[in-house]
PDB file of N, CA and C in Angstrom:
ATOM      1  N   UNK A   1      18.368  -5.500 -27.233  1.00  0.00           N
ATOM      2  CA  UNK A   1      18.131  -6.644 -28.326  1.00  0.00           C
ATOM      3  C   UNK A   1      16.808  -7.157 -27.720  1.00  0.00           C
ATOM      4  N   UNK A   2      15.686  -7.794 -28.950  1.00  0.00           N
ATOM      5  CA  UNK A   2      14.505  -7.887 -28.317  1.00  0.00           C
ATOM      6  C   UNK A   2      14.669  -9.667 -27.638  1.00  0.00           C
ATOM      7  N   UNK A   3      13.602  -9.888 -26.625  1.00  0.00           N
ATOM      8  CA  UNK A   3      13.916 -11.410 -25.912  1.00  0.00           C
ATOM      9  C   UNK A   3      12.432 -11.805 -26.772  1.00  0.00           C
ATOM     10  N   UNK A   4      12.262 -13.251 -26.231  1.00  0.00           N
ATOM     11  CA  UNK A   4      10.795 -13.797 -26.681  1.00  0.00           C
ATOM     12  C   UNK A   4      10.906 -14.724 -24.892  1.00  0.00           C
ATOM     13  N   UNK A   5       8.964 -14.388 -24.842  1.00  0.00           N
ATOM     14  CA  UNK A   5       8.699 -14.637 -23.599  1.00  0.00           C
ATOM     15  C   UNK A   5       7.381 -15.094 -23.784  1.00  0.00           C
ATOM     16  N   UNK A   6       7.280 -15.831 -22.790  1.00  0.00           N
ATOM     17  CA  UNK A   6       5.442 -16.957 -22.800  1.00  0.00           C
ATOM     18  C   UNK A   6       5.326 -16.965 -21.954  1.00  0.00           C
ATOM     19  N   UNK A   7       4.090 -16.289 -21.778  1.00  0.00           N
ATOM     20  CA  UNK A   7       3.166 -16.120 -20.836  1.00  0.00           C
ATOM     21  C   UNK A   7       1.626 -16.682 -21.242  1.00  0.00           C
ATOM     22  N   UNK A   8       1.018 -17.256 -19.746  1.00  0.00           N
ATOM     23  CA  UNK A   8      -0.493 -17.616 -20.106  1.00  0.00           C
ATOM     24  C   UNK A   8      -1.446 -16.753 -20.985  1.00  0.00           C
ATOM     25  N   UNK A   9      -2.578 -17.197 -21.560  1.00  0.00           N
ATOM     26  CA  UNK A   9      -3.509 -16.428 -22.367  1.00  0.00           C
ATOM     27  C   UNK A   9      -4.220 -15.284 -20.579  1.00  0.00           C
ATOM     28  N   UNK A  10      -4.559 -15.999 -19.878  1.00  0.00           N
ATOM     29  CA  UNK A  10      -4.692 -15.053 -19.041  1.00  0.00           C
ATOM     30  C   UNK A  10      -4.000 -13.494 -18.481  1.00  0.00           C
ATOM     31  N   UNK A  11      -3.339 -14.376 -18.427  1.00  0.00           N
ATOM     32  CA  UNK A  11      -1.216 -13.210 -17.963  1.00  0.00           C
ATOM     33  C   UNK A  11      -1.631 -11.863 -19.823  1.00  0.00           C
ATOM     34  N   UNK A  12      -1.462 -12.986 -20.754  1.00  0.00           N
ATOM     35  CA  UNK A  12      -1.629 -11.666 -22.114  1.00  0.00           C
ATOM     36  C   UNK A  12      -2.979 -10.872 -22.247  1.00  0.00           C
ATOM     37  N   UNK A  13      -4.140 -11.138 -21.587  1.00  0.00           N
ATOM     38  CA  UNK A  13      -5.467 -10.521 -21.564  1.00  0.00           C
ATOM     39  C   UNK A  13      -5.615  -9.540 -20.379  1.00  0.00           C
ATOM     40  N   UNK A  14      -4.600  -9.670 -19.479  1.00  0.00           N
ATOM     41  CA  UNK A  14      -4.567  -8.723 -17.987  1.00  0.00           C
ATOM     42  C   UNK A  14      -3.856  -7.721 -19.011  1.00  0.00           C
ATOM     43  N   UNK A  15      -2.183  -7.865 -19.400  1.00  0.00           N
ATOM     44  CA  UNK A  15      -1.489  -6.480 -19.741  1.00  0.00           C
ATOM     45  C   UNK A  15      -2.220  -5.962 -21.484  1.00  0.00           C
ATOM     46  N   UNK A  16      -2.932  -6.819 -22.075  1.00  0.00           N
ATOM     47  CA  UNK A  16      -3.386  -6.302 -22.777  1.00  0.00           C
ATOM     48  C   UNK A  16      -4.759  -5.415 -22.595  1.00  0.00           C
ATOM     49  N   UNK A  17      -5.776  -5.495 -21.499  1.00  0.00           N
ATOM     50  CA  UNK A  17      -5.983  -4.505 -20.833  1.00  0.00           C
ATOM     51  C   UNK A  17      -6.023  -3.299 -20.032  1.00  0.00           C
ATOM     52  N   UNK A  18      -4.438  -3.380 -20.141  1.00  0.00           N
ATOM     53  CA  UNK A  18      -4.127  -1.912 -19.843  1.00  0.00           C
ATOM     54  C   UNK A  18      -3.310  -1.290 -20.322  1.00  0.00           C
ATOM     55  N   UNK A  19      -2.696  -1.823 -21.494  1.00  0.00           N
ATOM     56  CA  UNK A  19      -2.052  -1.615 -22.346  1.00  0.00           C
ATOM     57  C   UNK A  19      -1.985   0.166 -23.029  1.00  0.00           C
ATOM     58  N   UNK A  20      -3.506  -0.312 -23.627  1.00  0.00           N
ATOM     59  CA  UNK A  20      -4.089   1.333 -24.452  1.00  0.00           C
ATOM     60  C   UNK A  20      -2.885   1.302 -25.556  1.00  0.00           C
ATOM     61  N   UNK A  21      -2.532   2.427 -25.611  1.00  0.00           N
ATOM     62  CA  UNK A  21      -1.474   2.503 -27.267  1.00  0.00           C
ATOM     63  C   UNK A  21       0.109   1.964 -26.850  1.00  0.00           C
ATOM     64  N   UNK A  22       0.014   2.065 -25.454  1.00  0.00           N
ATOM     65  CA  UNK A  22       1.836   1.501 -24.980  1.00  0.00           C
ATOM     66  C   UNK A  22       2.243  -0.036 -25.886  1.00  0.00           C
ATOM     67  N   UNK A  23       3.513  -0.082 -26.105  1.00  0.00           N
ATOM     68  CA  UNK A  23       4.145  -1.540 -25.750  1.00  0.00           C
ATOM     69  C   UNK A  23       3.712  -2.177 -24.983  1.00  0.00           C
ATOM     70  N   UNK A  24       3.862  -3.505 -24.893  1.00  0.00           N
ATOM     71  CA  UNK A  24       3.858  -4.814 -24.142  1.00  0.00           C
ATOM     72  C   UNK A  24       5.178  -4.313 -22.944  1.00  0.00           C
ATOM     73  N   UNK A  25       6.482  -3.629 -23.636  1.00  0.00           N
ATOM     74  CA  UNK A  25       7.806  -3.512 -22.860  1.00  0.00           C
ATOM     75  C   UNK A  25       7.026  -2.637 -22.357  1.00  0.00           C
ATOM     76  N   UNK A  26       6.508  -1.500 -22.512  1.00  0.00           N
ATOM     77  CA  UNK A  26       6.278  -0.130 -21.717  1.00  0.00           C
ATOM     78  C   UNK A  26       5.316  -0.446 -20.426  1.00  0.00           C
ATOM     79  N   UNK A  27       4.716  -1.501 -20.788  1.00  0.00           N
ATOM     80  CA  UNK A  27       3.910  -1.791 -19.669  1.00  0.00           C
ATOM     81  C   UNK A  27       4.192  -2.687 -18.816  1.00  0.00           C
ATOM     82  N   UNK A  28       5.306  -3.098 -19.268  1.00  0.00           N
ATOM     83  CA  UNK A  28       6.055  -4.756 -18.235  1.00  0.00           C
ATOM     84  C   UNK A  28       6.556  -3.235 -17.291  1.00  0.00           C
ATOM     85  N   UNK A  29       7.558  -2.850 -17.621  1.00  0.00           N
ATOM     86  CA  UNK A  29       8.210  -1.445 -16.802  1.00  0.00           C
ATOM     87  C   UNK A  29       7.189  -0.732 -15.788  1.00  0.00           C
ATOM     88  N   UNK A  30       6.667  -0.465 -16.512  1.00  0.00           N
ATOM     89  CA  UNK A  30       5.816   0.575 -15.681  1.00  0.00           C
ATOM     90  C   UNK A  30       5.508  -0.176 -14.684  1.00  0.00           C
ATOM     91  N   UNK A  31       4.965  -1.449 -14.508  1.00  0.00           N
ATOM     92  CA  UNK A  31       4.448  -2.299 -14.149  1.00  0.00           C
ATOM     93  C   UNK A  31       5.372  -2.775 -12.773  1.00  0.00           C
ATOM     94  N   UNK A  32       6.765  -3.224 -13.177  1.00  0.00           N
ATOM     95  CA  UNK A  32       7.711  -3.295 -12.226  1.00  0.00           C
ATOM     96  C   UNK A  32       8.944  -2.403 -11.909  1.00  0.00           C
ATOM     97  N   UNK A  33       8.350  -1.384 -12.146  1.00  0.00           N
ATOM     98  CA  UNK A  33       9.389  -0.116 -11.435  1.00  0.00           C
ATOM     99  C   UNK A  33       9.298   0.068 -10.253  1.00  0.00           C
ATOM    100  N   UNK A  34      10.264   0.045  -9.116  1.00  0.00           N
ATOM    101  CA  UNK A  34      10.517   0.443  -7.661  1.00  0.00           C
ATOM    102  C   UNK A  34       9.403   1.614  -7.508  1.00  0.00           C
ATOM    103  N   UNK A  35       7.977   1.452  -6.855  1.00  0.00           N
ATOM    104  CA  UNK A  35       7.048   2.919  -7.375  1.00  0.00           C
ATOM    105  C   UNK A  35       7.272   2.983  -5.321  1.00  0.00           C
ATOM    106  N   UNK A  36       8.517   2.867  -4.835  1.00  0.00           N
ATOM    107  CA  UNK A  36       8.340   3.214  -3.221  1.00  0.00           C
ATOM    108  C   UNK A  36       8.130   4.714  -3.071  1.00  0.00           C
ATOM    109  N   UNK A  37       7.465   5.568  -1.970  1.00  0.00           N
ATOM    110  CA  UNK A  37       7.238   6.965  -2.086  1.00  0.00           C
ATOM    111  C   UNK A  37       7.503   6.932  -1.370  1.00  0.00           C
ATOM    112  N   UNK A  38       8.195   8.248  -1.528  1.00  0.00           N
ATOM    113  CA  UNK A  38       9.337   9.383  -0.671  1.00  0.00           C
ATOM    114  C   UNK A  38       8.641   9.903   0.047  1.00  0.00           C
ATOM    115  N   UNK A  39       8.634   9.564   1.478  1.00  0.00           N
ATOM    116  CA  UNK A  39       8.054  10.713   2.542  1.00  0.00           C
ATOM    117  C   UNK A  39       8.466  12.204   2.845  1.00  0.00           C
ATOM    118  N   UNK A  40       7.546  12.844   3.021  1.00  0.00           N
ATOM    119  CA  UNK A  40       8.166  14.227   3.463  1.00  0.00           C
ATOM    120  C   UNK A  40       8.059  14.187   5.372  1.00  0.00           C
ATOM    121  N   UNK A  41       8.763  15.066   5.946  1.00  0.00           N
ATOM    122  CA  UNK A  41       8.955  14.981   7.270  1.00  0.00           C
ATOM    123  C   UNK A  41       7.778  15.428   7.645  1.00  0.00           C
ATOM    124  N   UNK A  42       7.132  16.141   7.298  1.00  0.00           N
ATOM    125  CA  UNK A  42       5.264  16.916   7.657  1.00  0.00           C
ATOM    126  C   UNK A  42       4.249  15.525   7.556  1.00  0.00           C
ATOM    127  N   UNK A  43       4.585  14.661   6.247  1.00  0.00           N
ATOM    128  CA  UNK A  43       3.910  13.876   6.111  1.00  0.00           C
ATOM    129  C   UNK A  43       4.041  12.646   7.274  1.00  0.00           C
ATOM    130  N   UNK A  44       5.291  12.595   7.576  1.00  0.00           N
ATOM    131  CA  UNK A  44       5.532  11.212   8.586  1.00  0.00           C
ATOM    132  C   UNK A  44       5.409  11.621   9.764  1.00  0.00           C
ATOM    133  N   UNK A  45       5.587  13.003  10.436  1.00  0.00           N
ATOM    134  CA  UNK A  45       4.891  13.424  11.296  1.00  0.00           C
ATOM    135  C   UNK A  45       3.359  13.334  11.813  1.00  0.00           C
ATOM    136  N   UNK A  46       2.852  13.701  10.634  1.00  0.00           N
ATOM    137  CA  UNK A  46       1.436  13.426  11.125  1.00  0.00           C
ATOM    138  C   UNK A  46       0.651  12.065  10.839  1.00  0.00           C
ATOM    139  N   UNK A  47       1.587  11.333  10.247  1.00  0.00           N
ATOM    140  CA  UNK A  47       0.866   9.864  10.038  1.00  0.00           C
ATOM    141  C   UNK A  47       1.425   9.435  11.603  1.00  0.00           C
ATOM    142  N   UNK A  48       2.062  10.049  12.145  1.00  0.00           N
ATOM    143  CA  UNK A  48       3.065   9.704  13.393  1.00  0.00           C
ATOM    144  C   UNK A  48       1.536  10.118  14.316  1.00  0.00           C
ATOM    145  N   UNK A  49       1.478  11.229  14.199  1.00  0.00           N
ATOM    146  CA  UNK A  49       0.165  11.937  15.285  1.00  0.00           C
ATOM    147  C   UNK A  49      -1.085  10.791  15.557  1.00  0.00           C
ATOM    148  N   UNK A  50      -1.476  10.589  14.118  1.00  0.00           N
ATOM    149  CA  UNK A  50      -2.399   9.703  14.040  1.00  0.00           C
ATOM    150  C   UNK A  50      -2.725   8.665  14.613  1.00  0.00           C
ATOM    151  N   UNK A  51      -1.434   7.907  14.180  1.00  0.00           N
ATOM    152  CA  UNK A  51      -1.057   6.526  14.876  1.00  0.00           C
ATOM    153  C   UNK A  51      -1.003   6.979  16.547  1.00  0.00           C
ATOM    154  N   UNK A  52      -0.726   7.705  16.885  1.00  0.00           N
ATOM    155  CA  UNK A  52      -0.425   8.390  18.277  1.00  0.00           C
ATOM    156  C   UNK A  52      -2.268   8.040  19.023  1.00  0.00           C
ATOM    157  N   UNK A  53      -2.887   9.460  18.341  1.00  0.00           N
ATOM    158  CA  UNK A  53      -4.012   9.125  18.551  1.00  0.00           C
ATOM    159  C   UNK A  53      -4.716   7.827  18.529  1.00  0.00           C
ATOM    160  N   UNK A  54      -4.926   7.035  17.626  1.00  0.00           N
ATOM    161  CA  UNK A  54      -5.153   5.653  18.006  1.00  0.00           C
ATOM    162  C   UNK A  54      -4.955   5.194  19.118  1.00  0.00           C
ATOM    163  N   UNK A  55      -3.753   5.266  19.156  1.00  0.00           N
ATOM    164  CA  UNK A  55      -3.389   4.350  20.106  1.00  0.00           C
ATOM    165  C   UNK A  55      -3.630   4.943  21.890  1.00  0.00           C
ATOM    166  N   UNK A  56      -3.853   6.296  21.860  1.00  0.00           N
ATOM    167  CA  UNK A  56      -4.364   6.716  23.075  1.00  0.00           C
ATOM    168  C   UNK A  56      -5.798   6.461  23.175  1.00  0.00           C
ATOM    169  N   UNK A  57      -7.232   6.108  22.127  1.00  0.00           N
ATOM    170  CA  UNK A  57      -8.290   6.133  21.988  1.00  0.00           C
ATOM    171  C   UNK A  57      -7.884   4.611  22.606  1.00  0.00           C
ATOM    172  N   UNK A  58      -7.030   3.879  22.012  1.00  0.00           N
ATOM    173  CA  UNK A  58      -7.077   2.115  22.013  1.00  0.00           C
ATOM    174  C   UNK A  58      -6.987   2.272  23.936  1.00  0.00           C
ATOM    175  N   UNK A  59      -5.931   2.623  24.574  1.00  0.00           N
ATOM    176  CA  UNK A  59      -5.342   2.599  26.242  1.00  0.00           C
ATOM    177  C   UNK A  59      -6.441   3.358  26.954  1.00  0.00           C
ATOM    178  N   UNK A  60      -8.069   4.519  26.286  1.00  0.00           N
ATOM    179  CA  UNK A  60      -8.202   4.955  27.073  1.00  0.00           C
ATOM    180  C   UNK A  60     -10.073   3.813  27.006  1.00  0.00           C
ATOM    181  N   UNK A  61      -9.938   3.466  26.106  1.00  0.00           N
ATOM    182  CA  UNK A  61     -11.066   2.415  26.078  1.00  0.00           C
ATOM    183  C   UNK A  61     -10.297   1.001  26.855  1.00  0.00           C
ATOM    184  N   UNK A  62      -8.999   0.599  27.324  1.00  0.00           N
ATOM    185  CA  UNK A  62      -8.316  -0.506  28.211  1.00  0.00           C
ATOM    186  C   UNK A  62      -9.276   0.298  29.265  1.00  0.00           C
ATOM    187  N   UNK A  63      -8.858   0.999  29.207  1.00  0.00           N
ATOM    188  CA  UNK A  63      -8.831   1.558  30.574  1.00  0.00           C
ATOM    189  C   UNK A  63     -10.166   1.633  31.738  1.00  0.00           C
ATOM    190  N   UNK A  64     -11.124   2.112  30.248  1.00  0.00           N
ATOM    191  CA  UNK A  64     -12.380   2.166  31.315  1.00  0.00           C
ATOM    192  C   UNK A  64     -13.008   0.978  31.179  1.00  0.00           C
ATOM    193  N   UNK A  65     -12.154  -0.035  30.153  1.00  0.00           N
ATOM    194  CA  UNK A  65     -13.257  -1.614  30.603  1.00  0.00           C
ATOM    195  C   UNK A  65     -12.203  -2.028  31.846  1.00  0.00           C
ATOM    196  N   UNK A  66     -11.232  -1.879  32.078  1.00  0.00           N
ATOM    197  CA  UNK A  66     -10.861  -2.314  33.410  1.00  0.00           C
ATOM    198  C   UNK A  66     -11.145  -1.583  34.709  1.00  0.00           C
ATOM    199  N   UNK A  67     -12.023  -0.551  34.424  1.00  0.00           N
ATOM    200  CA  UNK A  67     -12.680   0.550  35.527  1.00  0.00           C
ATOM    201  C   UNK A  67     -13.929  -0.355  35.904  1.00  0.00           C
ATOM    202  N   UNK A  68     -14.319  -1.215  34.728  1.00  0.00           N
ATOM    203  CA  UNK A  68     -15.626  -1.628  34.804  1.00  0.00           C
ATOM    204  C   UNK A  68     -15.814  -3.057  35.487  1.00  0.00           C
ATOM    205  N   UNK A  69     -14.704  -3.560  34.641  1.00  0.00           N
ATOM    206  CA  UNK A  69     -14.527  -4.825  35.137  1.00  0.00           C
ATOM    207  C   UNK A  69     -14.279  -5.338  36.522  1.00  0.00           C
ATOM    208  N   UNK A  70     -13.114  -4.180  36.737  1.00  0.00           N
ATOM    209  CA  UNK A  70     -12.022  -4.688  38.153  1.00  0.00           C
ATOM    210  C   UNK A  70     -12.424  -3.459  38.981  1.00  0.00           C
ATOM    211  N   UNK A  71     -13.071  -2.509  38.702  1.00  0.00           N
ATOM    212  CA  UNK A  71     -13.460  -1.650  39.449  1.00  0.00           C
ATOM    213  C   UNK A  71     -12.103  -0.996  40.372  1.00  0.00           C
ATOM    214  N   UNK A  72     -12.061  -0.202  38.881  1.00  0.00           N
ATOM    215  CA  UNK A  72      -9.990   0.332  39.258  1.00  0.00           C
ATOM    216  C   UNK A  72     -10.482   1.593  39.609  1.00  0.00           C
TER     217      UNK A  72
END
């Protein structure tokens, strides 16, 4: 059952630009769908490895700063 909504001119123009040959309803649905990506175990492990490397680099830098400043 169709519904009537009121949107600003700015919102209308924004939707119109991305609409293409789709209906406004299709555009709105595509913009509001839950787009949470599901990650594989491999992707999660790779991300954690990258994060771990960054943390280690920061710890190394922090340790070097301590050595310089505090002669540890």
